[in-house]
Amino acid sequence: MHTLLPPLIAGASEVYTDIAKCSGFGLFFRNQDAPPNEFQRMIKDSKVKPLKPLMHDLRIIKSEAEITNMRLAGKYSGRAITNAMRQQWTKEKDLAAFLDYDFKVCGCDTTAYIPVIAGGSNALSIHYVRNNDVLQDGQIVLVDAGGEYGGYITDITRSWPVNGKFSDPQRDLYEMILKVQRSSVSLCRESANMTLDKIHQITEHGLKEGLKSLGFNMNGDAMDVLFPHHVGHYVGLDVHDCPGYSRATPLKTGYCVTIEPGIYVPDDERWPAHFRGMGIRIEDSVCVQDDNPLILTTEAVKEVVDIEALRD
């Protein structure tokens, strides 16, 4: 660094780095009180530009090779989740351990992120990762988990009954969310001229109308309580890929995103009694194409009839 970098930096018209930031008043380092290190002193007279936006532009559109890895990650992860649905589980930690094992057995290199294994009302905590409670007969278990293949990740959430059979209220809420999820996935194409923010708005409207049809009072902050997160994010090398990349950017061919509507009903008299304590989310990873979205996670079954048939 002492001999190679100085002439390179001196001869460069621009230097891309996030070690230092540039403002209208000159160069500012992340820690104003700390003395500049050798590299920071070296670039102090250079035209510095932030590296993060450049890296986002390189990462956000996936190549065919990257998409191939993501398809395999989704295929192997989905198979493991479907295998988990076939069995009766009594503890969240046992289900988590099975998935960690089966992701690898099915073909993934490793588990991609800390999973959510949330039985019953634990699913009301969006990022529940304690995963050490008992699973009760009659509950829904929400599983947000995925494997990594070749450095790439797909993000999957499935919700299914612990005993293998949906109750009538569980089926009603689940099928309403699934209908909206399928519709939102269909918008992940360049020809639709959509952004993640637009898809979120459409999803929120669909969920609101669906909840009204199920007897929910949707006045006031109802949607903020029942659907408290964004419908999707970018996915790829990280589970939340290109952090900070705007969700208001029009989706283009090669973008890979998640679509994950969910409804989380607190145990509160404000909501219909037979839905209280339920948390259901359905998530797929999708690669945007010009006219037909490529769903990367189809091996994880999600139709009610398919889920119930796994225990027959």
C-alpha atoms as a PDB file:
ATOM      1  CA  MET A   1       0.000   0.000   0.000  1.00  0.00           C
ATOM      2  CA  HIS A   2       2.821   2.385   0.856  1.00  0.00           C
ATOM      3  CA  THR A   3       4.333   2.258  -2.630  1.00  0.00           C
ATOM      4  CA  LEU A   4       1.546   1.118  -4.970  1.00  0.00           C
ATOM      5  CA  LEU A   5      -1.456   3.202  -3.945  1.00  0.00           C
ATOM      6  CA  PRO A   6      -0.097   6.787  -3.863  1.00  0.00           C
ATOM      7  CA  PRO A   7       0.708   7.012  -7.607  1.00  0.00           C
ATOM      8  CA  LEU A   8      -2.586   5.261  -8.501  1.00  0.00           C
ATOM      9  CA  ILE A   9      -4.610   7.668  -6.364  1.00  0.00           C
ATOM     10  CA  ALA A  10      -2.658  10.681  -7.597  1.00  0.00           C
ATOM     11  CA  GLY A  11      -3.389   9.722 -11.197  1.00  0.00           C
ATOM     12  CA  ALA A  12      -7.083   8.918 -10.646  1.00  0.00           C
ATOM     13  CA  SER A  13      -9.771  11.436 -11.512  1.00  0.00           C
ATOM     14  CA  GLU A  14     -12.142   9.803  -8.988  1.00  0.00           C
ATOM     15  CA  VAL A  15     -11.729   7.534  -5.967  1.00  0.00           C
ATOM     16  CA  TYR A  16     -14.676   5.388  -4.870  1.00  0.00           C
ATOM     17  CA  THR A  17     -14.628   4.566  -1.171  1.00  0.00           C
ATOM     18  CA  ASP A  18     -16.898   4.558   1.871  1.00  0.00           C
ATOM     19  CA  ILE A  19     -14.022   5.072   4.295  1.00  0.00           C
ATOM     20  CA  ALA A  20     -14.498   8.799   3.888  1.00  0.00           C
ATOM     21  CA  LYS A  21     -17.390  10.961   2.762  1.00  0.00           C
ATOM     22  CA  CYS A  22     -17.368  14.045   0.604  1.00  0.00           C
ATOM     23  CA  SER A  23     -19.525  17.112   1.269  1.00  0.00           C
ATOM     24  CA  GLY A  24     -19.745  20.632  -0.084  1.00  0.00           C
ATOM     25  CA  PHE A  25     -17.410  21.739   2.690  1.00  0.00           C
ATOM     26  CA  GLY A  26     -14.660  19.245   1.947  1.00  0.00           C
ATOM     27  CA  LEU A  27     -13.772  15.758   3.070  1.00  0.00           C
ATOM     28  CA  PHE A  28     -15.178  14.393   6.335  1.00  0.00           C
ATOM     29  CA  PHE A  29     -14.208  11.153   7.996  1.00  0.00           C
ATOM     30  CA  ARG A  30     -16.681   8.854   9.755  1.00  0.00           C
ATOM     31  CA  ASN A  31     -15.233   9.638  13.187  1.00  0.00           C
ATOM     32  CA  GLN A  32     -14.579  13.361  13.312  1.00  0.00           C
ATOM     33  CA  ASP A  33     -12.558  13.072  16.523  1.00  0.00           C
ATOM     34  CA  ALA A  34     -10.220  10.277  15.415  1.00  0.00           C
ATOM     35  CA  PRO A  35      -7.052  11.265  13.554  1.00  0.00           C
ATOM     36  CA  PRO A  36      -7.101  10.245   9.869  1.00  0.00           C
ATOM     37  CA  ASN A  37      -5.367   6.978   9.079  1.00  0.00           C
ATOM     38  CA  GLU A  38      -2.788   6.578   6.332  1.00  0.00           C
ATOM     39  CA  PHE A  39      -5.323   5.774   3.609  1.00  0.00           C
ATOM     40  CA  GLN A  40      -7.530   8.712   4.561  1.00  0.00           C
ATOM     41  CA  ARG A  41      -4.549  11.069   4.405  1.00  0.00           C
ATOM     42  CA  MET A  42      -3.646   9.621   1.022  1.00  0.00           C
ATOM     43  CA  ILE A  43      -7.029  10.427  -0.553  1.00  0.00           C
ATOM     44  CA  LYS A  44      -7.628  13.786   1.098  1.00  0.00           C
ATOM     45  CA  ASP A  45      -6.955  15.694  -2.123  1.00  0.00           C
ATOM     46  CA  SER A  46      -8.773  13.243  -4.409  1.00  0.00           C
ATOM     47  CA  LYS A  47     -12.245  13.542  -5.845  1.00  0.00           C
ATOM     48  CA  VAL A  48     -13.970  11.019  -3.555  1.00  0.00           C
ATOM     49  CA  LYS A  49     -17.267   9.387  -4.458  1.00  0.00           C
ATOM     50  CA  PRO A  50     -19.287   6.904  -2.353  1.00  0.00           C
ATOM     51  CA  LEU A  51     -18.716   3.243  -3.197  1.00  0.00           C
ATOM     52  CA  LYS A  52     -22.048   1.869  -1.948  1.00  0.00           C
ATOM     53  CA  PRO A  53     -24.268   3.153  -4.814  1.00  0.00           C
ATOM     54  CA  LEU A  54     -21.814   1.797  -7.369  1.00  0.00           C
ATOM     55  CA  MET A  55     -21.805  -1.629  -5.710  1.00  0.00           C
ATOM     56  CA  HIS A  56     -25.617  -1.608  -5.571  1.00  0.00           C
ATOM     57  CA  ASP A  57     -25.794  -0.920  -9.304  1.00  0.00           C
ATOM     58  CA  LEU A  58     -23.471  -3.879  -9.924  1.00  0.00           C
ATOM     59  CA  ARG A  59     -25.316  -6.247  -7.561  1.00  0.00           C
ATOM     60  CA  ILE A  60     -28.963  -5.363  -8.123  1.00  0.00           C
ATOM     61  CA  ILE A  61     -29.284  -6.942 -11.598  1.00  0.00           C
ATOM     62  CA  LYS A  62     -28.481 -10.637 -11.437  1.00  0.00           C
ATOM     63  CA  SER A  63     -26.711 -12.435 -14.266  1.00  0.00           C
ATOM     64  CA  GLU A  64     -27.904 -15.778 -15.618  1.00  0.00           C
ATOM     65  CA  ALA A  65     -25.222 -17.514 -13.540  1.00  0.00           C
ATOM     66  CA  GLU A  66     -26.391 -15.753 -10.376  1.00  0.00           C
ATOM     67  CA  ILE A  67     -30.018 -16.620 -11.112  1.00  0.00           C
ATOM     68  CA  THR A  68     -29.013 -20.260 -11.611  1.00  0.00           C
ATOM     69  CA  ASN A  69     -27.494 -20.312  -8.123  1.00  0.00           C
ATOM     70  CA  MET A  70     -30.593 -18.664  -6.673  1.00  0.00           C
ATOM     71  CA  ARG A  71     -32.875 -21.159  -8.435  1.00  0.00           C
ATOM     72  CA  LEU A  72     -30.887 -23.999  -6.880  1.00  0.00           C
ATOM     73  CA  ALA A  73     -30.955 -22.345  -3.450  1.00  0.00           C
ATOM     74  CA  GLY A  74     -34.731 -21.976  -3.780  1.00  0.00           C
ATOM     75  CA  LYS A  75     -35.213 -25.514  -5.077  1.00  0.00           C
ATOM     76  CA  TYR A  76     -33.201 -27.177  -2.315  1.00  0.00           C
ATOM     77  CA  SER A  77     -34.578 -24.919   0.444  1.00  0.00           C
ATOM     78  CA  GLY A  78     -38.141 -25.445  -0.722  1.00  0.00           C
ATOM     79  CA  ARG A  79     -37.753 -29.206  -0.691  1.00  0.00           C
ATOM     80  CA  ALA A  80     -36.482 -29.104   2.884  1.00  0.00           C
ATOM     81  CA  ILE A  81     -39.421 -26.950   4.020  1.00  0.00           C
ATOM     82  CA  THR A  82     -41.897 -29.289   2.286  1.00  0.00           C
ATOM     83  CA  ASN A  83     -40.189 -32.226   4.011  1.00  0.00           C
ATOM     84  CA  ALA A  84     -40.651 -30.443   7.343  1.00  0.00           C
ATOM     85  CA  MET A  85     -44.387 -30.037   6.664  1.00  0.00           C
ATOM     86  CA  ARG A  86     -44.748 -33.824   6.353  1.00  0.00           C
ATOM     87  CA  GLN A  87     -43.924 -34.364  10.016  1.00  0.00           C
ATOM     88  CA  GLN A  88     -45.557 -33.606  13.352  1.00  0.00           C
ATOM     89  CA  TRP A  89     -43.337 -31.336  15.458  1.00  0.00           C
ATOM     90  CA  THR A  90     -43.708 -30.674  19.176  1.00  0.00           C
ATOM     91  CA  LYS A  91     -40.855 -28.205  19.688  1.00  0.00           C
ATOM     92  CA  GLU A  92     -39.752 -25.178  17.677  1.00  0.00           C
ATOM     93  CA  LYS A  93     -36.099 -26.056  18.245  1.00  0.00           C
ATOM     94  CA  ASP A  94     -36.542 -29.553  16.796  1.00  0.00           C
ATOM     95  CA  LEU A  95     -38.096 -28.126  13.640  1.00  0.00           C
ATOM     96  CA  ALA A  96     -35.263 -25.576  13.416  1.00  0.00           C
ATOM     97  CA  ALA A  97     -32.646 -28.331  13.801  1.00  0.00           C
ATOM     98  CA  PHE A  98     -34.313 -30.441  11.115  1.00  0.00           C
ATOM     99  CA  LEU A  99     -34.285 -27.568   8.623  1.00  0.00           C
ATOM    100  CA  ASP A 100     -30.657 -26.747   9.357  1.00  0.00           C
ATOM    101  CA  TYR A 101     -29.831 -30.384   8.589  1.00  0.00           C
ATOM    102  CA  ASP A 102     -32.166 -30.885   5.644  1.00  0.00           C
ATOM    103  CA  PHE A 103     -31.145 -27.711   3.806  1.00  0.00           C
ATOM    104  CA  LYS A 104     -27.696 -29.274   3.507  1.00  0.00           C
ATOM    105  CA  VAL A 105     -28.942 -32.792   2.755  1.00  0.00           C
ATOM    106  CA  CYS A 106     -31.134 -31.423  -0.040  1.00  0.00           C
ATOM    107  CA  GLY A 107     -28.188 -29.612  -1.639  1.00  0.00           C
ATOM    108  CA  CYS A 108     -27.586 -26.226   0.010  1.00  0.00           C
ATOM    109  CA  ASP A 109     -24.163 -25.252   1.311  1.00  0.00           C
ATOM    110  CA  THR A 110     -25.486 -23.896   4.593  1.00  0.00           C
ATOM    111  CA  THR A 111     -28.402 -22.158   6.289  1.00  0.00           C
ATOM    112  CA  ALA A 112     -28.691 -18.652   4.868  1.00  0.00           C
ATOM    113  CA  TYR A 113     -29.883 -16.762   7.940  1.00  0.00           C
ATOM    114  CA  ILE A 114     -31.180 -17.248  11.477  1.00  0.00           C
ATOM    115  CA  PRO A 115     -34.630 -18.751  10.919  1.00  0.00           C
ATOM    116  CA  VAL A 116     -37.962 -17.792  12.423  1.00  0.00           C
ATOM    117  CA  ILE A 117     -39.740 -20.883  13.806  1.00  0.00           C
ATOM    118  CA  ALA A 118     -42.803 -19.370  15.470  1.00  0.00           C
ATOM    119  CA  GLY A 119     -45.682 -21.412  16.832  1.00  0.00           C
ATOM    120  CA  GLY A 120     -49.036 -19.800  17.605  1.00  0.00           C
ATOM    121  CA  SER A 121     -48.863 -16.248  18.935  1.00  0.00           C
ATOM    122  CA  ASN A 122     -45.049 -16.241  18.695  1.00  0.00           C
ATOM    123  CA  ALA A 123     -45.627 -15.429  15.021  1.00  0.00           C
ATOM    124  CA  LEU A 124     -46.963 -12.017  16.046  1.00  0.00           C
ATOM    125  CA  SER A 125     -43.324 -11.056  16.672  1.00  0.00           C
ATOM    126  CA  ILE A 126     -42.114 -10.426  13.114  1.00  0.00           C
ATOM    127  CA  HIS A 127     -38.464 -11.303  13.805  1.00  0.00           C
ATOM    128  CA  TYR A 128     -39.009 -13.983  16.450  1.00  0.00           C
ATOM    129  CA  VAL A 129     -35.805 -16.062  16.586  1.00  0.00           C
ATOM    130  CA  ARG A 130     -35.874 -17.546  20.093  1.00  0.00           C
ATOM    131  CA  ASN A 131     -37.219 -20.773  18.547  1.00  0.00           C
ATOM    132  CA  ASN A 132     -37.463 -22.666  21.838  1.00  0.00           C
ATOM    133  CA  ASP A 133     -41.179 -22.886  22.607  1.00  0.00           C
ATOM    134  CA  VAL A 134     -43.539 -25.861  22.510  1.00  0.00           C
ATOM    135  CA  LEU A 135     -45.721 -26.318  19.413  1.00  0.00           C
ATOM    136  CA  GLN A 136     -49.344 -26.949  20.337  1.00  0.00           C
ATOM    137  CA  ASP A 137     -51.973 -28.955  18.482  1.00  0.00           C
ATOM    138  CA  GLY A 138     -54.347 -26.512  16.770  1.00  0.00           C
ATOM    139  CA  GLN A 139     -51.706 -23.810  16.246  1.00  0.00           C
ATOM    140  CA  ILE A 140     -50.228 -22.477  13.042  1.00  0.00           C
ATOM    141  CA  VAL A 141     -46.431 -22.564  12.859  1.00  0.00           C
ATOM    142  CA  LEU A 142     -44.777 -19.801  10.814  1.00  0.00           C
ATOM    143  CA  VAL A 143     -41.392 -20.739   9.355  1.00  0.00           C
ATOM    144  CA  ASP A 144     -39.177 -18.108   7.705  1.00  0.00           C
ATOM    145  CA  ALA A 145     -36.039 -19.948   6.621  1.00  0.00           C
ATOM    146  CA  GLY A 146     -33.817 -20.594   3.645  1.00  0.00           C
ATOM    147  CA  GLY A 147     -30.557 -22.080   2.522  1.00  0.00           C
ATOM    148  CA  GLU A 148     -27.550 -20.706   0.670  1.00  0.00           C
ATOM    149  CA  TYR A 149     -26.068 -22.139  -2.501  1.00  0.00           C
ATOM    150  CA  GLY A 150     -22.893 -20.845  -4.150  1.00  0.00           C
ATOM    151  CA  GLY A 151     -23.025 -17.684  -2.043  1.00  0.00           C
ATOM    152  CA  TYR A 152     -26.627 -16.870  -3.027  1.00  0.00           C
ATOM    153  CA  ILE A 153     -29.765 -16.887  -0.929  1.00  0.00           C
ATOM    154  CA  THR A 154     -33.487 -17.319  -1.357  1.00  0.00           C
ATOM    155  CA  ASP A 155     -35.901 -16.211   1.334  1.00  0.00           C
ATOM    156  CA  ILE A 156     -38.985 -18.369   2.027  1.00  0.00           C
ATOM    157  CA  THR A 157     -41.820 -18.187   4.537  1.00  0.00           C
ATOM    158  CA  ARG A 158     -44.495 -20.826   4.925  1.00  0.00           C
ATOM    159  CA  SER A 159     -47.238 -21.124   7.532  1.00  0.00           C
ATOM    160  CA  TRP A 160     -48.973 -24.415   8.208  1.00  0.00           C
ATOM    161  CA  PRO A 161     -51.026 -26.127  10.925  1.00  0.00           C
ATOM    162  CA  VAL A 162     -49.005 -28.057  13.487  1.00  0.00           C
ATOM    163  CA  ASN A 163     -51.446 -30.984  13.248  1.00  0.00           C
ATOM    164  CA  GLY A 164     -51.525 -30.912   9.436  1.00  0.00           C
ATOM    165  CA  LYS A 165     -55.150 -29.779   9.034  1.00  0.00           C
ATOM    166  CA  PHE A 166     -56.377 -26.191   8.822  1.00  0.00           C
ATOM    167  CA  SER A 167     -59.295 -25.170  11.009  1.00  0.00           C
ATOM    168  CA  ASP A 168     -61.989 -23.150   9.226  1.00  0.00           C
ATOM    169  CA  PRO A 169     -60.733 -19.756  10.519  1.00  0.00           C
ATOM    170  CA  GLN A 170     -57.106 -20.694   9.734  1.00  0.00           C
ATOM    171  CA  ARG A 171     -58.065 -21.710   6.208  1.00  0.00           C
ATOM    172  CA  ASP A 172     -60.102 -18.536   5.630  1.00  0.00           C
ATOM    173  CA  LEU A 173     -57.280 -16.218   6.696  1.00  0.00           C
ATOM    174  CA  TYR A 174     -54.597 -18.267   4.955  1.00  0.00           C
ATOM    175  CA  GLU A 175     -56.396 -18.461   1.612  1.00  0.00           C
ATOM    176  CA  MET A 176     -57.125 -14.734   1.671  1.00  0.00           C
ATOM    177  CA  ILE A 177     -53.412 -13.967   2.178  1.00  0.00           C
ATOM    178  CA  LEU A 178     -52.400 -16.510  -0.471  1.00  0.00           C
ATOM    179  CA  LYS A 179     -54.751 -14.962  -3.028  1.00  0.00           C
ATOM    180  CA  VAL A 180     -53.190 -11.540  -2.443  1.00  0.00           C
ATOM    181  CA  GLN A 181     -49.677 -13.004  -2.500  1.00  0.00           C
ATOM    182  CA  ARG A 182     -50.215 -14.679  -5.873  1.00  0.00           C
ATOM    183  CA  SER A 183     -51.584 -11.440  -7.294  1.00  0.00           C
ATOM    184  CA  SER A 184     -48.624  -9.430  -6.001  1.00  0.00           C
ATOM    185  CA  VAL A 185     -46.109 -11.967  -7.340  1.00  0.00           C
ATOM    186  CA  SER A 186     -47.695 -11.593 -10.793  1.00  0.00           C
ATOM    187  CA  LEU A 187     -46.705  -7.895 -10.770  1.00  0.00           C
ATOM    188  CA  CYS A 188     -42.970  -8.711 -10.598  1.00  0.00           C
ATOM    189  CA  ARG A 189     -42.323  -8.119 -14.288  1.00  0.00           C
ATOM    190  CA  GLU A 190     -40.669  -5.240 -16.072  1.00  0.00           C
ATOM    191  CA  SER A 191     -43.657  -4.779 -18.401  1.00  0.00           C
ATOM    192  CA  ALA A 192     -45.883  -3.938 -15.400  1.00  0.00           C
ATOM    193  CA  ASN A 193     -43.774  -0.837 -14.616  1.00  0.00           C
ATOM    194  CA  MET A 194     -43.936  -1.577 -10.893  1.00  0.00           C
ATOM    195  CA  THR A 195     -41.770  -0.736  -7.896  1.00  0.00           C
ATOM    196  CA  LEU A 196     -41.676  -2.582  -4.597  1.00  0.00           C
ATOM    197  CA  ASP A 197     -43.416   0.429  -3.036  1.00  0.00           C
ATOM    198  CA  LYS A 198     -46.241   0.262  -5.605  1.00  0.00           C
ATOM    199  CA  ILE A 199     -46.618  -3.481  -5.067  1.00  0.00           C
ATOM    200  CA  HIS A 200     -46.769  -2.818  -1.332  1.00  0.00           C
ATOM    201  CA  GLN A 201     -49.621  -0.349  -1.797  1.00  0.00           C
ATOM    202  CA  ILE A 202     -51.536  -2.802  -3.998  1.00  0.00           C
ATOM    203  CA  THR A 203     -50.896  -5.632  -1.542  1.00  0.00           C
ATOM    204  CA  GLU A 204     -52.042  -3.545   1.402  1.00  0.00           C
ATOM    205  CA  HIS A 205     -55.272  -2.660  -0.406  1.00  0.00           C
ATOM    206  CA  GLY A 206     -55.891  -6.327  -1.249  1.00  0.00           C
ATOM    207  CA  LEU A 207     -55.297  -7.446   2.332  1.00  0.00           C
ATOM    208  CA  LYS A 208     -57.540  -4.689   3.679  1.00  0.00           C
ATOM    209  CA  GLU A 209     -60.430  -5.686   1.436  1.00  0.00           C
ATOM    210  CA  GLY A 210     -59.862  -9.342   2.277  1.00  0.00           C
ATOM    211  CA  LEU A 211     -59.910  -8.651   6.008  1.00  0.00           C
ATOM    212  CA  LYS A 212     -63.136  -6.671   5.660  1.00  0.00           C
ATOM    213  CA  SER A 213     -64.729  -9.690   3.973  1.00  0.00           C
ATOM    214  CA  LEU A 214     -63.670 -11.810   6.977  1.00  0.00           C
ATOM    215  CA  GLY A 215     -65.371  -9.462   9.431  1.00  0.00           C
ATOM    216  CA  PHE A 216     -62.484  -7.265  10.537  1.00  0.00           C
ATOM    217  CA  ASN A 217     -63.140  -3.632  11.443  1.00  0.00           C
ATOM    218  CA  MET A 218     -60.526  -1.849   9.354  1.00  0.00           C
ATOM    219  CA  ASN A 219     -60.931   1.657  10.763  1.00  0.00           C
ATOM    220  CA  GLY A 220     -58.069   3.771  12.098  1.00  0.00           C
ATOM    221  CA  ASP A 221     -54.651   2.137  12.315  1.00  0.00           C
ATOM    222  CA  ALA A 222     -55.916  -1.386  11.633  1.00  0.00           C
ATOM    223  CA  MET A 223     -53.543  -2.052   8.735  1.00  0.00           C
ATOM    224  CA  ASP A 224     -50.542  -0.739  10.664  1.00  0.00           C
ATOM    225  CA  VAL A 225     -51.327  -3.252  13.412  1.00  0.00           C
ATOM    226  CA  LEU A 226     -52.234  -6.234  11.229  1.00  0.00           C
ATOM    227  CA  PHE A 227     -49.665  -5.769   8.429  1.00  0.00           C
ATOM    228  CA  PRO A 228     -46.772  -3.881  10.031  1.00  0.00           C
ATOM    229  CA  HIS A 229     -43.988  -4.558   7.507  1.00  0.00           C
ATOM    230  CA  HIS A 230     -43.181  -3.900   3.855  1.00  0.00           C
ATOM    231  CA  VAL A 231     -44.304  -6.501   1.331  1.00  0.00           C
ATOM    232  CA  GLY A 232     -40.812  -7.157   0.041  1.00  0.00           C
ATOM    233  CA  HIS A 233     -37.100  -6.492  -0.251  1.00  0.00           C
ATOM    234  CA  TYR A 234     -34.239  -7.271  -2.626  1.00  0.00           C
ATOM    235  CA  VAL A 235     -32.522 -10.629  -2.214  1.00  0.00           C
ATOM    236  CA  GLY A 236     -29.319 -12.179  -3.571  1.00  0.00           C
ATOM    237  CA  LEU A 237     -25.905 -12.303  -1.937  1.00  0.00           C
ATOM    238  CA  ASP A 238     -27.622 -11.228   1.288  1.00  0.00           C
ATOM    239  CA  VAL A 239     -31.087 -11.951   2.574  1.00  0.00           C
ATOM    240  CA  HIS A 240     -31.688  -8.178   2.461  1.00  0.00           C
ATOM    241  CA  ASP A 241     -29.546  -7.478  -0.583  1.00  0.00           C
ATOM    242  CA  CYS A 242     -28.274  -4.021  -1.513  1.00  0.00           C
ATOM    243  CA  PRO A 243     -29.352  -2.393   1.791  1.00  0.00           C
ATOM    244  CA  GLY A 244     -30.505   1.157   1.230  1.00  0.00           C
ATOM    245  CA  TYR A 245     -31.340   0.622  -2.454  1.00  0.00           C
ATOM    246  CA  SER A 246     -34.624   2.430  -2.999  1.00  0.00           C
ATOM    247  CA  ARG A 247     -37.854   0.449  -3.117  1.00  0.00           C
ATOM    248  CA  ALA A 248     -39.185   3.262  -5.312  1.00  0.00           C
ATOM    249  CA  THR A 249     -36.962   2.149  -8.210  1.00  0.00           C
ATOM    250  CA  PRO A 250     -38.864   0.580 -11.146  1.00  0.00           C
ATOM    251  CA  LEU A 251     -38.313  -3.178 -11.232  1.00  0.00           C
ATOM    252  CA  LYS A 252     -36.194  -4.362 -14.157  1.00  0.00           C
ATOM    253  CA  THR A 253     -35.368  -7.756 -15.617  1.00  0.00           C
ATOM    254  CA  GLY A 254     -32.784  -9.396 -13.356  1.00  0.00           C
ATOM    255  CA  TYR A 255     -33.928  -7.800 -10.095  1.00  0.00           C
ATOM    256  CA  CYS A 256     -34.626 -10.461  -7.454  1.00  0.00           C
ATOM    257  CA  VAL A 257     -37.125  -9.609  -4.726  1.00  0.00           C
ATOM    258  CA  THR A 258     -39.301 -11.180  -2.067  1.00  0.00           C
ATOM    259  CA  ILE A 259     -43.088 -10.923  -1.914  1.00  0.00           C
ATOM    260  CA  GLU A 260     -44.265 -11.654   1.622  1.00  0.00           C
ATOM    261  CA  PRO A 261     -47.681 -10.424   2.724  1.00  0.00           C
ATOM    262  CA  GLY A 262     -48.669 -11.402   6.241  1.00  0.00           C
ATOM    263  CA  ILE A 263     -51.402 -10.803   8.786  1.00  0.00           C
ATOM    264  CA  TYR A 264     -50.721 -10.858  12.545  1.00  0.00           C
ATOM    265  CA  VAL A 265     -53.802 -10.691  14.765  1.00  0.00           C
ATOM    266  CA  PRO A 266     -53.187  -9.642  18.381  1.00  0.00           C
ATOM    267  CA  ASP A 267     -55.202 -11.238  21.176  1.00  0.00           C
ATOM    268  CA  ASP A 268     -57.380  -8.157  21.468  1.00  0.00           C
ATOM    269  CA  GLU A 269     -61.152  -7.653  21.575  1.00  0.00           C
ATOM    270  CA  ARG A 270     -60.793  -5.291  18.631  1.00  0.00           C
ATOM    271  CA  TRP A 271     -60.488  -8.301  16.279  1.00  0.00           C
ATOM    272  CA  PRO A 272     -62.812 -11.265  15.550  1.00  0.00           C
ATOM    273  CA  ALA A 273     -62.329 -13.849  18.298  1.00  0.00           C
ATOM    274  CA  HIS A 274     -61.637 -16.862  16.058  1.00  0.00           C
ATOM    275  CA  PHE A 275     -58.642 -15.117  14.403  1.00  0.00           C
ATOM    276  CA  ARG A 276     -56.953 -13.784  17.536  1.00  0.00           C
ATOM    277  CA  GLY A 277     -53.393 -14.935  18.149  1.00  0.00           C
ATOM    278  CA  MET A 278     -52.834 -16.014  14.535  1.00  0.00           C
ATOM    279  CA  GLY A 279     -49.786 -14.968  12.535  1.00  0.00           C
ATOM    280  CA  ILE A 280     -49.631 -16.066   8.906  1.00  0.00           C
ATOM    281  CA  ARG A 281     -47.071 -14.991   6.298  1.00  0.00           C
ATOM    282  CA  ILE A 282     -46.461 -16.438   2.836  1.00  0.00           C
ATOM    283  CA  GLU A 283     -43.203 -15.472   1.119  1.00  0.00           C
ATOM    284  CA  ASP A 284     -41.543 -16.370  -2.147  1.00  0.00           C
ATOM    285  CA  SER A 285     -38.355 -15.118  -3.766  1.00  0.00           C
ATOM    286  CA  VAL A 286     -39.005 -13.930  -7.315  1.00  0.00           C
ATOM    287  CA  CYS A 287     -36.726 -12.960 -10.202  1.00  0.00           C
ATOM    288  CA  VAL A 288     -38.197 -10.146 -12.271  1.00  0.00           C
ATOM    289  CA  GLN A 289     -38.499 -10.977 -15.970  1.00  0.00           C
ATOM    290  CA  ASP A 290     -39.880  -8.904 -18.835  1.00  0.00           C
ATOM    291  CA  ASP A 291     -43.313 -10.521 -18.931  1.00  0.00           C
ATOM    292  CA  ASN A 292     -43.446 -13.577 -16.630  1.00  0.00           C
ATOM    293  CA  PRO A 293     -42.043 -13.533 -13.089  1.00  0.00           C
ATOM    294  CA  LEU A 294     -39.664 -16.394 -12.300  1.00  0.00           C
ATOM    295  CA  ILE A 295     -40.623 -17.788  -8.885  1.00  0.00           C
ATOM    296  CA  LEU A 296     -37.486 -19.259  -7.343  1.00  0.00           C
ATOM    297  CA  THR A 297     -39.116 -21.082  -4.421  1.00  0.00           C
ATOM    298  CA  THR A 298     -41.904 -23.201  -5.941  1.00  0.00           C
ATOM    299  CA  GLU A 299     -40.654 -26.426  -4.317  1.00  0.00           C
ATOM    300  CA  ALA A 300     -42.062 -25.221  -0.978  1.00  0.00           C
ATOM    301  CA  VAL A 301     -45.756 -26.086  -1.307  1.00  0.00           C
ATOM    302  CA  LYS A 302     -48.266 -23.424  -0.295  1.00  0.00           C
ATOM    303  CA  GLU A 303     -51.748 -24.460  -1.473  1.00  0.00           C
ATOM    304  CA  VAL A 304     -53.986 -25.647   1.366  1.00  0.00           C
ATOM    305  CA  VAL A 305     -54.799 -28.915  -0.432  1.00  0.00           C
ATOM    306  CA  ASP A 306     -51.101 -29.626  -1.019  1.00  0.00           C
ATOM    307  CA  ILE A 307     -50.110 -28.893   2.581  1.00  0.00           C
ATOM    308  CA  GLU A 308     -52.851 -31.107   3.992  1.00  0.00           C
ATOM    309  CA  ALA A 309     -52.063 -33.908   1.512  1.00  0.00           C
ATOM    310  CA  LEU A 310     -48.531 -34.215   2.909  1.00  0.00           C
ATOM    311  CA  ARG A 311     -49.876 -35.963   6.031  1.00  0.00           C
ATOM    312  CA  ASP A 312     -52.352 -38.257   4.241  1.00  0.00           C
END
